[in-house]
Amino acid sequence: MAQDTGRTASKTSKGSARGTYAVGDARRQKILDTAVEHFAQWGFNASSLARIAADCGITQGGLLHHFRGKEDLLLSVLAQSERHDVDRLFSEPAESVAAHFATVVGLAADNERRPGIVRMFNTLVGESGNPEHPAHAYFTQRYARVLGYTVDLLEAGVARGELRPDTDCEAVGREILAVMDGLQIQWVLAPGSVDMPARLRGFLDRLLREIAATPA
């Protein structure tokens, strides 16, 4: 009987621990989601940990139990957003440039369903032009990483004979990123007047016809 009681107590303890972890994970996620809205509306410098905590229904000390400070919270928000994009859309290598362009359009459509993330991105990338901004290194590295990925994919398309051999892959890659960001800014300013995925699809279709080895 004593052994049975011990087993029951052990199971209860493990169940309580799992419940505690689940509550902690849910609270951490709520802090991240709330921070997205604050950073989108006020940027990094004008956002307040106290206001973020209050909107989460916890104290600032409770927030600091999950994040070391505002900079740590900011970088955690950005890392979560990037993981979402990679896991959702870029986990498998594209078989062709056309397939990659279709994935990019899918990302634009996905972003329309995450307006807070898009607003936050536009706010923070503007702020991070200041080298002293805590996200400056993140955005610098992110653009280099995304550009490098795009250039590699375009160069692979040239090597396969899919694209013209004289394609300036770096210039094309930079143009794609510029159009994507420009459309995001227009969409944030007036969501109802800009169909971001459709506009991006139209641009990428025209671009692919221009650089394709065999005209469509």
Protein backbone atom coordinates (compact mmCIF):
# COMPACT_ATOMS: atom_id res chain seq x y z
CA MET A 1 0.00 0.00 0.00
CA ALA A 2 2.85 2.35 0.86
CA GLN A 3 4.44 1.59 -2.52
CA ASP A 4 1.20 2.39 -4.34
CA THR A 5 0.97 5.68 -2.47
CA GLY A 6 4.53 6.48 -3.47
CA ARG A 7 3.82 5.76 -7.13
CA THR A 8 0.71 7.95 -7.03
CA ALA A 9 2.64 10.79 -5.43
CA SER A 10 5.36 10.46 -8.07
CA LYS A 11 2.82 10.57 -10.92
CA THR A 12 1.11 13.58 -9.34
CA SER A 13 4.45 15.36 -8.99
CA LYS A 14 5.34 14.72 -12.65
CA GLY A 15 1.90 15.85 -13.77
CA SER A 16 2.20 19.03 -11.73
CA ALA A 17 5.62 19.74 -13.21
CA ARG A 18 4.29 19.33 -16.75
CA GLY A 19 1.40 21.64 -15.91
CA THR A 20 3.78 24.23 -14.52
CA TYR A 21 5.92 24.10 -17.66
CA ALA A 22 2.83 24.45 -19.86
CA VAL A 23 1.69 27.51 -17.92
CA GLY A 24 5.18 28.98 -18.16
CA ASP A 25 5.34 28.34 -21.93
CA ALA A 26 1.91 29.91 -22.44
CA ARG A 27 2.90 32.97 -20.43
CA ARG A 28 6.16 33.35 -22.36
CA GLN A 29 4.25 33.16 -25.64
CA LYS A 30 1.77 35.77 -24.46
CA ILE A 31 4.65 38.10 -23.60
CA LEU A 32 6.14 37.60 -27.08
CA ASP A 33 2.79 38.23 -28.80
CA THR A 34 2.17 41.35 -26.72
CA ALA A 35 5.68 42.64 -27.38
CA VAL A 36 5.05 42.37 -31.14
CA GLU A 37 2.15 44.83 -30.86
CA HIS A 38 4.12 47.22 -28.64
CA PHE A 39 7.22 47.21 -30.84
CA ALA A 40 5.00 47.66 -33.90
CA GLN A 41 3.24 50.68 -32.42
CA TRP A 42 6.01 52.41 -30.50
CA GLY A 43 9.25 50.92 -31.77
CA PHE A 44 11.94 49.61 -29.45
CA ASN A 45 13.04 52.72 -27.59
CA ALA A 46 9.56 53.99 -26.73
CA SER A 47 8.23 50.59 -25.69
CA SER A 48 8.12 49.86 -21.98
CA LEU A 49 8.58 46.53 -20.23
CA ALA A 50 6.19 47.74 -17.55
CA ARG A 51 3.43 48.39 -20.13
CA ILE A 52 4.08 45.08 -21.88
CA ALA A 53 3.88 43.26 -18.55
CA ALA A 54 0.69 45.10 -17.57
CA ASP A 55 -0.97 44.13 -20.86
CA CYS A 56 -0.01 40.51 -20.11
CA GLY A 57 -1.56 40.76 -16.65
CA ILE A 58 1.75 40.19 -14.85
CA THR A 59 4.31 42.30 -13.04
CA GLN A 60 7.52 43.52 -14.65
CA GLY A 61 9.36 41.13 -12.35
CA GLY A 62 7.22 38.31 -13.72
CA LEU A 63 8.20 39.30 -17.26
CA LEU A 64 11.88 39.39 -16.30
CA HIS A 65 11.53 35.82 -15.09
CA HIS A 66 11.22 34.85 -18.79
CA PHE A 67 13.43 37.49 -20.47
CA ARG A 68 16.58 39.19 -19.20
CA GLY A 69 15.48 42.62 -20.38
CA LYS A 70 13.94 44.57 -23.25
CA GLU A 71 16.77 43.79 -25.66
CA ASP A 72 16.50 40.07 -24.94
CA LEU A 73 12.74 40.28 -25.50
CA LEU A 74 13.22 42.10 -28.81
CA LEU A 75 15.71 39.58 -30.15
CA SER A 76 13.48 36.70 -29.00
CA VAL A 77 10.54 38.19 -30.91
CA LEU A 78 12.65 38.54 -34.06
CA ALA A 79 14.03 35.01 -33.73
CA GLN A 80 10.53 33.58 -33.33
CA SER A 81 9.32 35.38 -36.45
CA GLU A 82 12.25 34.10 -38.50
CA ARG A 83 11.73 30.53 -37.28
CA HIS A 84 8.11 30.77 -38.41
CA ASP A 85 9.15 31.82 -41.93
CA VAL A 86 11.80 29.11 -42.24
CA ASP A 87 9.64 26.31 -40.81
CA ARG A 88 6.54 27.28 -42.76
CA LEU A 89 8.00 28.09 -46.15
CA PHE A 90 11.72 27.43 -46.51
CA SER A 91 12.32 24.11 -44.76
CA GLU A 92 12.77 22.30 -48.09
CA PRO A 93 15.11 23.51 -50.86
CA ALA A 94 13.34 24.89 -53.94
CA GLU A 95 13.50 22.65 -57.01
CA SER A 96 13.52 25.61 -59.38
CA VAL A 97 13.58 29.39 -59.44
CA ALA A 98 9.88 29.35 -60.35
CA ALA A 99 9.13 27.19 -57.30
CA HIS A 100 11.09 29.56 -55.08
CA PHE A 101 9.19 32.55 -56.45
CA ALA A 102 5.91 30.75 -55.68
CA THR A 103 7.13 30.22 -52.10
CA VAL A 104 7.99 33.91 -51.77
CA VAL A 105 4.46 34.82 -52.88
CA GLY A 106 3.18 32.36 -50.27
CA LEU A 107 5.21 34.20 -47.64
CA ALA A 108 3.58 37.49 -48.66
CA ALA A 109 0.14 35.89 -48.32
CA ASP A 110 1.12 34.50 -44.93
CA ASN A 111 2.30 37.94 -43.80
CA GLU A 112 -1.08 39.45 -44.65
CA ARG A 113 -2.49 37.20 -41.94
CA ARG A 114 0.12 38.50 -39.46
CA PRO A 115 -0.27 42.29 -39.63
CA GLY A 116 1.37 42.86 -36.26
CA ILE A 117 4.55 41.14 -37.39
CA VAL A 118 4.67 43.16 -40.61
CA ARG A 119 4.10 46.46 -38.80
CA MET A 120 6.77 45.57 -36.26
CA PHE A 121 9.24 44.59 -38.98
CA ASN A 122 8.80 47.90 -40.80
CA THR A 123 9.13 49.92 -37.60
CA LEU A 124 12.21 48.10 -36.35
CA VAL A 125 14.07 47.86 -39.65
CA GLY A 126 13.75 51.65 -39.95
CA GLU A 127 15.05 52.20 -36.43
CA SER A 128 17.88 49.72 -36.87
CA GLY A 129 19.60 51.94 -39.42
CA ASN A 130 21.19 53.40 -36.30
CA PRO A 131 24.27 51.25 -35.56
CA GLU A 132 23.57 51.64 -31.83
CA HIS A 133 20.13 50.01 -32.13
CA PRO A 134 20.00 46.55 -30.50
CA ALA A 135 18.54 45.03 -33.68
CA HIS A 136 21.11 46.61 -36.04
CA ALA A 137 23.31 43.50 -36.15
CA TYR A 138 20.27 41.22 -36.50
CA PHE A 139 18.86 43.05 -39.53
CA THR A 140 22.29 43.48 -41.14
CA GLN A 141 22.94 39.76 -40.83
CA ARG A 142 19.39 38.87 -41.85
CA TYR A 143 19.58 40.82 -45.11
CA ALA A 144 22.97 39.33 -45.89
CA ARG A 145 21.63 35.85 -45.16
CA VAL A 146 18.46 36.25 -47.24
CA LEU A 147 20.35 37.88 -50.11
CA GLY A 148 22.95 35.11 -50.05
CA TYR A 149 20.24 32.44 -50.10
CA THR A 150 18.51 34.15 -53.04
CA VAL A 151 21.72 34.64 -55.01
CA ASP A 152 22.70 30.98 -54.49
CA LEU A 153 19.31 29.87 -55.74
CA LEU A 154 19.50 32.11 -58.81
CA GLU A 155 23.03 30.94 -59.59
CA ALA A 156 21.81 27.35 -59.36
CA GLY A 157 19.11 28.29 -61.87
CA VAL A 158 21.78 29.62 -64.22
CA ALA A 159 23.83 26.44 -63.80
CA ARG A 160 20.79 24.28 -64.62
CA GLY A 161 20.15 26.29 -67.76
CA GLU A 162 16.91 27.62 -66.31
CA LEU A 163 18.10 31.26 -66.36
CA ARG A 164 20.15 33.21 -68.88
CA PRO A 165 23.91 32.82 -68.37
CA ASP A 166 24.40 36.61 -68.23
CA THR A 167 21.96 37.02 -65.31
CA ASP A 168 23.37 39.35 -62.64
CA CYS A 169 22.19 37.21 -59.73
CA GLU A 170 23.16 39.66 -56.99
CA ALA A 171 21.41 42.58 -58.70
CA VAL A 172 18.28 40.46 -59.25
CA GLY A 173 18.35 39.30 -55.64
CA ARG A 174 18.59 42.85 -54.31
CA GLU A 175 15.74 43.93 -56.58
CA ILE A 176 13.51 41.14 -55.27
CA LEU A 177 14.17 42.12 -51.64
CA ALA A 178 13.56 45.79 -52.43
CA VAL A 179 10.20 45.08 -54.07
CA MET A 180 9.11 42.81 -51.23
CA ASP A 181 9.93 45.42 -48.59
CA GLY A 182 8.41 48.24 -50.64
CA LEU A 183 5.14 46.36 -51.03
CA GLN A 184 5.09 45.65 -47.30
CA ILE A 185 5.42 49.36 -46.52
CA GLN A 186 2.59 50.22 -48.92
CA TRP A 187 0.41 47.46 -47.44
CA VAL A 188 1.01 48.60 -43.86
CA LEU A 189 0.04 52.17 -44.78
CA ALA A 190 -3.11 51.16 -46.65
CA PRO A 191 -3.91 47.44 -46.38
CA GLY A 192 -7.17 47.66 -48.25
CA SER A 193 -5.62 49.24 -51.32
CA VAL A 194 -2.71 46.85 -51.88
CA ASP A 195 -2.99 43.15 -52.70
CA MET A 196 0.52 42.29 -51.62
CA PRO A 197 0.68 38.66 -52.89
CA ALA A 198 -0.88 39.57 -56.25
CA ARG A 199 1.46 42.52 -56.81
CA LEU A 200 4.48 40.44 -55.85
CA ARG A 201 3.38 37.57 -58.08
CA GLY A 202 3.02 39.96 -61.02
CA PHE A 203 6.50 41.37 -60.48
CA LEU A 204 8.14 37.96 -60.11
CA ASP A 205 6.35 36.60 -63.19
CA ARG A 206 7.64 39.53 -65.26
CA LEU A 207 11.12 39.12 -63.81
CA LEU A 208 11.22 35.41 -64.56
CA ARG A 209 10.18 36.01 -68.17
CA GLU A 210 13.00 38.54 -68.48
CA ILE A 211 15.78 36.33 -67.12
CA ALA A 212 14.56 32.91 -68.28
CA ALA A 213 16.91 31.10 -70.66
CA THR A 214 13.96 30.12 -72.85
CA PRO A 215 11.30 32.82 -73.37
CA ALA A 216 7.85 31.76 -72.18
